[in-house]
Structures are given as C-alpha cells and as structure tokens.
Amino acid sequence: MITARSDSTVWKVADLLTRRPVVNAVLLAHELSVESTNAHRYLNPLRKAGVLIETTNGPRNRVWRSPEVLAALDAFAERAGRRG
C-alpha cells in the first residue's frame, strides 16, 4: 500500500502509528527527531495510501488519524471488556 524508499522516515511514521494512532507535526518532530516543517513529506505517502486521514480542516494545527489502528484498538477494548 505504501510507496516509499526502504530507508524512508515514512516507515518510521507507520510504525509510530501502532503506538500513536493520532499524530500531528509536533508529535512526529518529538518522537522521530525530524523537523516539524518536514512532517508533510512523511505524512503524504501514508495519506495517499489510505493509512492516514486528516481529521482537521485548515492549514494550521493539522491532525491525522489511522482509522485501521483505531478500529483495532476499539475491537480489542471491546473484547477485553472495556470498563465504564
């Protein structure tokens, strides 16, 4: 699904999504030691592949989510008997 070089930071972002299924540029900068201004370079291939969906609309404070990871976490919580 993802088109990127094997040594691309895109793969690190994909791995990060298993721990942090909702991300923004600041989180990527902190977690992966990349410039937040370059975050879109790593997020766009994942968005194009359908791995990420932008949750916000507008050019500032953008947030992306991974619906597949979130669905898997919700399913696990359901099976584990989420407590209310």
C-alpha atoms as a PDB file:
ATOM      1  CA  MET A   1       0.000   0.000   0.000  1.00  0.00           C
ATOM      2  CA  ILE A   2       2.764   2.470   0.931  1.00  0.00           C
ATOM      3  CA  THR A   3       5.145   3.695  -1.725  1.00  0.00           C
ATOM      4  CA  ALA A   4       8.413   4.878  -0.185  1.00  0.00           C
ATOM      5  CA  ARG A   5      12.103   4.034  -0.214  1.00  0.00           C
ATOM      6  CA  SER A   6      13.077   1.307   2.221  1.00  0.00           C
ATOM      7  CA  ASP A   7      15.111   3.763   4.319  1.00  0.00           C
ATOM      8  CA  SER A   8      12.458   6.486   4.328  1.00  0.00           C
ATOM      9  CA  THR A   9      11.159   8.028   7.531  1.00  0.00           C
ATOM     10  CA  VAL A  10       7.692   7.200   6.187  1.00  0.00           C
ATOM     11  CA  TRP A  11       8.186   3.681   7.556  1.00  0.00           C
ATOM     12  CA  LYS A  12       9.094   5.061  10.988  1.00  0.00           C
ATOM     13  CA  VAL A  13       5.879   7.079  10.941  1.00  0.00           C
ATOM     14  CA  ALA A  14       3.921   3.939  10.001  1.00  0.00           C
ATOM     15  CA  ASP A  15       5.484   2.094  12.949  1.00  0.00           C
ATOM     16  CA  LEU A  16       4.729   5.015  15.261  1.00  0.00           C
ATOM     17  CA  LEU A  17       1.044   4.776  14.338  1.00  0.00           C
ATOM     18  CA  THR A  18       0.756   1.482  16.203  1.00  0.00           C
ATOM     19  CA  ARG A  19       1.570   3.385  19.414  1.00  0.00           C
ATOM     20  CA  ARG A  20       0.131   6.771  18.467  1.00  0.00           C
ATOM     21  CA  PRO A  21      -2.753   6.359  16.006  1.00  0.00           C
ATOM     22  CA  VAL A  22      -3.440  10.118  16.042  1.00  0.00           C
ATOM     23  CA  VAL A  23      -0.493  12.345  15.111  1.00  0.00           C
ATOM     24  CA  ASN A  24       0.456  15.895  14.244  1.00  0.00           C
ATOM     25  CA  ALA A  25       3.672  17.537  13.055  1.00  0.00           C
ATOM     26  CA  VAL A  26       4.834  18.389  16.572  1.00  0.00           C
ATOM     27  CA  LEU A  27       4.441  14.786  17.736  1.00  0.00           C
ATOM     28  CA  LEU A  28       6.402  13.495  14.738  1.00  0.00           C
ATOM     29  CA  ALA A  29       9.175  16.001  15.424  1.00  0.00           C
ATOM     30  CA  HIS A  30       9.355  14.914  19.054  1.00  0.00           C
ATOM     31  CA  GLU A  31       9.054  11.144  18.554  1.00  0.00           C
ATOM     32  CA  LEU A  32      11.173  10.759  15.419  1.00  0.00           C
ATOM     33  CA  SER A  33      13.631  13.655  15.694  1.00  0.00           C
ATOM     34  CA  VAL A  34      12.541  15.233  12.425  1.00  0.00           C
ATOM     35  CA  GLU A  35      11.747  18.854  11.674  1.00  0.00           C
ATOM     36  CA  SER A  36       8.048  19.553  12.141  1.00  0.00           C
ATOM     37  CA  THR A  37       8.169  21.618   8.945  1.00  0.00           C
ATOM     38  CA  ASN A  38       9.039  18.419   7.045  1.00  0.00           C
ATOM     39  CA  ALA A  39       6.263  16.323   8.576  1.00  0.00           C
ATOM     40  CA  HIS A  40       4.049  16.553   5.499  1.00  0.00           C
ATOM     41  CA  ARG A  41       6.786  14.899   3.457  1.00  0.00           C
ATOM     42  CA  TYR A  42       6.336  11.783   5.600  1.00  0.00           C
ATOM     43  CA  LEU A  43       2.582  12.005   6.090  1.00  0.00           C
ATOM     44  CA  ASN A  44       1.546  12.472   2.458  1.00  0.00           C
ATOM     45  CA  PRO A  45       2.541   8.971   1.248  1.00  0.00           C
ATOM     46  CA  LEU A  46       0.558   7.475   4.133  1.00  0.00           C
ATOM     47  CA  ARG A  47      -2.420   9.685   3.340  1.00  0.00           C
ATOM     48  CA  LYS A  48      -2.282   8.732  -0.344  1.00  0.00           C
ATOM     49  CA  ALA A  49      -2.161   5.043   0.603  1.00  0.00           C
ATOM     50  CA  GLY A  50      -5.235   5.457   2.809  1.00  0.00           C
ATOM     51  CA  VAL A  51      -3.330   4.705   6.012  1.00  0.00           C
ATOM     52  CA  LEU A  52      -3.990   8.188   7.409  1.00  0.00           C
ATOM     53  CA  ILE A  53      -6.968  10.504   7.208  1.00  0.00           C
ATOM     54  CA  GLU A  54      -6.739  14.170   8.069  1.00  0.00           C
ATOM     55  CA  THR A  55      -9.067  14.885  10.961  1.00  0.00           C
ATOM     56  CA  THR A  56      -8.806  18.654  10.825  1.00  0.00           C
ATOM     57  CA  ASN A  57      -9.591  21.008   8.017  1.00  0.00           C
ATOM     58  CA  GLY A  58      -7.469  24.061   7.536  1.00  0.00           C
ATOM     59  CA  PRO A  59      -3.805  24.803   7.145  1.00  0.00           C
ATOM     60  CA  ARG A  60      -2.926  25.162  10.852  1.00  0.00           C
ATOM     61  CA  ASN A  61      -2.789  22.639  13.700  1.00  0.00           C
ATOM     62  CA  ARG A  62      -3.440  19.723  11.371  1.00  0.00           C
ATOM     63  CA  VAL A  63      -4.061  16.265  12.859  1.00  0.00           C
ATOM     64  CA  TRP A  64      -4.113  12.880  11.121  1.00  0.00           C
ATOM     65  CA  ARG A  65      -5.568   9.600  12.349  1.00  0.00           C
ATOM     66  CA  SER A  66      -5.164   5.987  11.358  1.00  0.00           C
ATOM     67  CA  PRO A  67      -8.682   4.543  11.180  1.00  0.00           C
ATOM     68  CA  GLU A  68      -7.445   0.948  10.927  1.00  0.00           C
ATOM     69  CA  VAL A  69      -5.331   1.190  14.076  1.00  0.00           C
ATOM     70  CA  LEU A  70      -8.103   2.973  15.958  1.00  0.00           C
ATOM     71  CA  ALA A  71     -10.600   0.296  14.872  1.00  0.00           C
ATOM     72  CA  ALA A  72      -8.235  -2.453  16.034  1.00  0.00           C
ATOM     73  CA  LEU A  73      -7.824  -0.740  19.417  1.00  0.00           C
ATOM     74  CA  ASP A  74     -11.593  -0.343  19.778  1.00  0.00           C
ATOM     75  CA  ALA A  75     -12.126  -4.013  18.881  1.00  0.00           C
ATOM     76  CA  PHE A  76      -9.532  -5.060  21.446  1.00  0.00           C
ATOM     77  CA  ALA A  77     -11.136  -2.891  24.111  1.00  0.00           C
ATOM     78  CA  GLU A  78     -14.498  -4.465  23.309  1.00  0.00           C
ATOM     79  CA  ARG A  79     -13.087  -7.997  23.572  1.00  0.00           C
ATOM     80  CA  ALA A  80     -11.242  -7.131  26.775  1.00  0.00           C
ATOM     81  CA  GLY A  81     -14.426  -5.837  28.357  1.00  0.00           C
ATOM     82  CA  ARG A  82     -13.851  -2.109  28.495  1.00  0.00           C
ATOM     83  CA  ARG A  83     -14.846  -0.816  31.879  1.00  0.00           C
ATOM     84  CA  GLY A  84     -17.129   2.177  32.142  1.00  0.00           C
END
